[in-house]
Amino acid sequence: MFYCTLCEKEVCYVSKFCDKCRKIKHYLNLYEGRVYEVLDNVLSRTHTKQDNKIQQEIKEEIEVKKQNLQPLKK
């Protein structure tokens, strides 16, 4: 049997990764270091703290996007 290289649980005959892990691999290819940063900042916490951190990260990203969308002031 061939198992997913990442999770080592799902059986894979054609690919190295199962569907869920292929999605993770895709995120790694797209966002590189950001994925590791998010995993460290969010998942290294209790579930309550994870939820709080997720909300905080979302708010911060919204603020950055708002600032980037505002016209430049002279």
N, C-alpha and C. Protein backbone atom coordinates (compact mmCIF):
# COMPACT_ATOMS: atom_id res chain seq x y z
N MET A 1 0.83 -1.19 0.00
CA MET A 1 0.00 0.00 0.00
C MET A 1 0.88 1.25 0.00
N PHE A 2 0.40 2.28 -0.69
CA PHE A 2 1.08 3.56 -0.72
C PHE A 2 0.26 4.55 0.09
N TYR A 3 0.90 5.19 1.05
CA TYR A 3 0.21 6.15 1.90
C TYR A 3 0.67 7.57 1.57
N CYS A 4 -0.19 8.51 1.89
CA CYS A 4 0.11 9.93 1.70
C CYS A 4 1.43 10.26 2.40
N THR A 5 2.28 10.98 1.71
CA THR A 5 3.59 11.34 2.26
C THR A 5 3.47 12.28 3.45
N LEU A 6 2.44 13.11 3.47
CA LEU A 6 2.30 14.10 4.54
C LEU A 6 1.59 13.54 5.76
N CYS A 7 0.37 13.06 5.61
CA CYS A 7 -0.40 12.61 6.77
C CYS A 7 -0.12 11.14 7.12
N GLU A 8 0.34 10.38 6.16
CA GLU A 8 0.66 8.97 6.34
C GLU A 8 -0.53 8.12 6.78
N LYS A 9 -1.74 8.58 6.45
CA LYS A 9 -2.96 7.85 6.81
C LYS A 9 -3.76 7.42 5.60
N GLU A 10 -3.90 8.34 4.64
CA GLU A 10 -4.72 8.07 3.46
C GLU A 10 -3.94 7.27 2.42
N VAL A 11 -4.62 6.34 1.78
CA VAL A 11 -4.00 5.55 0.73
C VAL A 11 -4.00 6.35 -0.57
N CYS A 12 -2.84 6.39 -1.24
CA CYS A 12 -2.69 7.11 -2.50
C CYS A 12 -2.02 6.20 -3.52
N TYR A 13 -2.65 6.04 -4.66
CA TYR A 13 -2.09 5.19 -5.70
C TYR A 13 -1.40 5.99 -6.80
N VAL A 14 -1.93 7.15 -7.10
CA VAL A 14 -1.44 7.93 -8.23
C VAL A 14 -0.53 9.07 -7.79
N SER A 15 -0.77 9.64 -6.64
CA SER A 15 -0.09 10.84 -6.18
C SER A 15 0.66 10.55 -4.88
N LYS A 16 1.56 11.47 -4.50
CA LYS A 16 2.24 11.35 -3.22
C LYS A 16 1.37 11.84 -2.07
N PHE A 17 0.37 12.70 -2.39
CA PHE A 17 -0.45 13.32 -1.35
C PHE A 17 -1.93 12.99 -1.55
N CYS A 18 -2.66 12.85 -0.44
CA CYS A 18 -4.10 12.70 -0.52
C CYS A 18 -4.70 14.08 -0.86
N ASP A 19 -6.01 14.14 -1.08
CA ASP A 19 -6.65 15.40 -1.49
C ASP A 19 -6.46 16.51 -0.46
N LYS A 20 -6.64 16.19 0.83
CA LYS A 20 -6.50 17.21 1.87
C LYS A 20 -5.06 17.70 1.96
N CYS A 21 -4.11 16.79 1.91
CA CYS A 21 -2.71 17.19 2.02
C CYS A 21 -2.21 17.88 0.76
N ARG A 22 -2.78 17.57 -0.38
CA ARG A 22 -2.43 18.27 -1.61
C ARG A 22 -2.81 19.74 -1.48
N LYS A 23 -3.93 20.00 -0.80
CA LYS A 23 -4.36 21.39 -0.58
C LYS A 23 -3.34 22.12 0.32
N ILE A 24 -2.87 21.43 1.35
CA ILE A 24 -1.85 22.01 2.23
C ILE A 24 -0.57 22.28 1.44
N LYS A 25 -0.17 21.33 0.64
CA LYS A 25 1.03 21.48 -0.19
C LYS A 25 0.87 22.68 -1.14
N HIS A 26 -0.32 22.85 -1.69
CA HIS A 26 -0.60 23.98 -2.57
C HIS A 26 -0.43 25.30 -1.81
N TYR A 27 -0.96 25.36 -0.58
CA TYR A 27 -0.80 26.57 0.23
C TYR A 27 0.68 26.83 0.50
N LEU A 28 1.44 25.79 0.77
CA LEU A 28 2.88 25.96 1.00
C LEU A 28 3.57 26.54 -0.23
N ASN A 29 3.18 26.06 -1.40
CA ASN A 29 3.77 26.57 -2.63
C ASN A 29 3.39 28.03 -2.87
N LEU A 30 2.15 28.40 -2.54
CA LEU A 30 1.68 29.77 -2.78
C LEU A 30 2.23 30.77 -1.78
N TYR A 31 2.17 30.42 -0.50
CA TYR A 31 2.44 31.40 0.55
C TYR A 31 3.75 31.18 1.29
N GLU A 32 4.48 30.14 0.97
CA GLU A 32 5.78 29.82 1.52
C GLU A 32 5.84 30.02 3.04
N GLY A 33 6.66 30.96 3.52
CA GLY A 33 6.88 31.15 4.96
C GLY A 33 5.66 31.57 5.73
N ARG A 34 4.70 32.18 5.07
CA ARG A 34 3.48 32.66 5.75
C ARG A 34 2.72 31.49 6.36
N VAL A 35 2.72 30.35 5.69
CA VAL A 35 2.01 29.16 6.20
C VAL A 35 2.61 28.74 7.53
N TYR A 36 3.93 28.69 7.61
CA TYR A 36 4.59 28.29 8.86
C TYR A 36 4.32 29.31 9.97
N GLU A 37 4.34 30.58 9.61
CA GLU A 37 4.07 31.64 10.58
C GLU A 37 2.66 31.51 11.15
N VAL A 38 1.68 31.30 10.28
CA VAL A 38 0.29 31.15 10.72
C VAL A 38 0.13 29.91 11.60
N LEU A 39 0.72 28.80 11.19
CA LEU A 39 0.62 27.56 11.98
C LEU A 39 1.23 27.76 13.36
N ASP A 40 2.40 28.38 13.43
CA ASP A 40 3.03 28.62 14.74
C ASP A 40 2.23 29.58 15.59
N ASN A 41 1.72 30.66 14.97
CA ASN A 41 0.99 31.67 15.73
C ASN A 41 -0.39 31.22 16.17
N VAL A 42 -1.03 30.33 15.41
CA VAL A 42 -2.41 29.98 15.69
C VAL A 42 -2.54 28.62 16.38
N LEU A 43 -1.89 27.62 15.89
CA LEU A 43 -2.13 26.27 16.39
C LEU A 43 -1.32 25.89 17.61
N SER A 44 -0.38 26.71 18.02
CA SER A 44 0.39 26.42 19.23
C SER A 44 -0.31 26.99 20.47
N ARG A 45 -1.63 26.86 20.52
CA ARG A 45 -2.43 27.44 21.59
C ARG A 45 -3.60 26.52 21.94
N THR A 46 -4.26 26.82 23.04
CA THR A 46 -5.48 26.08 23.39
C THR A 46 -6.57 26.45 22.40
N HIS A 47 -7.65 25.69 22.36
CA HIS A 47 -8.72 25.97 21.39
C HIS A 47 -9.31 27.37 21.59
N THR A 48 -9.51 27.79 22.82
CA THR A 48 -10.06 29.13 23.08
C THR A 48 -9.10 30.20 22.57
N LYS A 49 -7.82 30.02 22.88
CA LYS A 49 -6.82 30.99 22.43
C LYS A 49 -6.66 30.93 20.92
N GLN A 50 -6.84 29.76 20.32
CA GLN A 50 -6.79 29.64 18.87
C GLN A 50 -7.88 30.49 18.23
N ASP A 51 -9.11 30.37 18.76
CA ASP A 51 -10.23 31.15 18.22
C ASP A 51 -9.96 32.64 18.36
N ASN A 52 -9.46 33.06 19.52
CA ASN A 52 -9.14 34.47 19.73
C ASN A 52 -8.06 34.94 18.76
N LYS A 53 -7.03 34.13 18.58
CA LYS A 53 -5.93 34.50 17.69
C LYS A 53 -6.40 34.57 16.24
N ILE A 54 -7.26 33.67 15.83
CA ILE A 54 -7.81 33.70 14.48
C ILE A 54 -8.55 35.01 14.25
N GLN A 55 -9.39 35.40 15.21
CA GLN A 55 -10.13 36.67 15.08
C GLN A 55 -9.19 37.86 15.04
N GLN A 56 -8.15 37.83 15.86
CA GLN A 56 -7.17 38.91 15.88
C GLN A 56 -6.43 38.99 14.54
N GLU A 57 -6.01 37.85 14.01
CA GLU A 57 -5.30 37.83 12.73
C GLU A 57 -6.19 38.36 11.61
N ILE A 58 -7.46 37.99 11.62
CA ILE A 58 -8.40 38.47 10.60
C ILE A 58 -8.53 39.99 10.68
N LYS A 59 -8.69 40.52 11.89
CA LYS A 59 -8.81 41.97 12.06
C LYS A 59 -7.57 42.69 11.56
N GLU A 60 -6.39 42.14 11.88
CA GLU A 60 -5.14 42.77 11.45
C GLU A 60 -5.01 42.77 9.93
N GLU A 61 -5.37 41.67 9.31
CA GLU A 61 -5.28 41.59 7.85
C GLU A 61 -6.29 42.54 7.19
N ILE A 62 -7.47 42.69 7.77
CA ILE A 62 -8.46 43.63 7.25
C ILE A 62 -7.92 45.06 7.34
N GLU A 63 -7.30 45.39 8.46
CA GLU A 63 -6.75 46.74 8.63
C GLU A 63 -5.65 47.02 7.60
N VAL A 64 -4.78 46.05 7.37
CA VAL A 64 -3.72 46.22 6.39
C VAL A 64 -4.32 46.42 5.00
N LYS A 65 -5.33 45.64 4.67
CA LYS A 65 -5.97 45.77 3.36
C LYS A 65 -6.67 47.11 3.22
N LYS A 66 -7.31 47.59 4.29
CA LYS A 66 -7.95 48.91 4.26
C LYS A 66 -6.92 50.00 4.00
N GLN A 67 -5.77 49.90 4.69
CA GLN A 67 -4.72 50.90 4.51
C GLN A 67 -4.18 50.87 3.09
N ASN A 68 -4.04 49.67 2.53
CA ASN A 68 -3.53 49.55 1.16
C ASN A 68 -4.52 50.08 0.13
N LEU A 69 -5.80 50.06 0.43
CA LEU A 69 -6.82 50.53 -0.50
C LEU A 69 -7.05 52.03 -0.44
N GLN A 70 -6.65 52.67 0.64
CA GLN A 70 -6.83 54.11 0.76
C GLN A 70 -5.93 54.83 -0.22
N PRO A 71 -6.45 55.88 -0.85
CA PRO A 71 -5.60 56.64 -1.79
C PRO A 71 -4.42 57.28 -1.05
N LEU A 72 -3.31 57.37 -1.73
CA LEU A 72 -2.13 57.97 -1.13
C LEU A 72 -2.35 59.46 -0.90
N LYS A 73 -2.03 59.93 0.29
CA LYS A 73 -2.17 61.35 0.63
C LYS A 73 -0.86 62.07 0.33
N LYS A 74 -0.97 63.27 -0.27
CA LYS A 74 0.23 64.06 -0.59
C LYS A 74 0.52 65.07 0.48
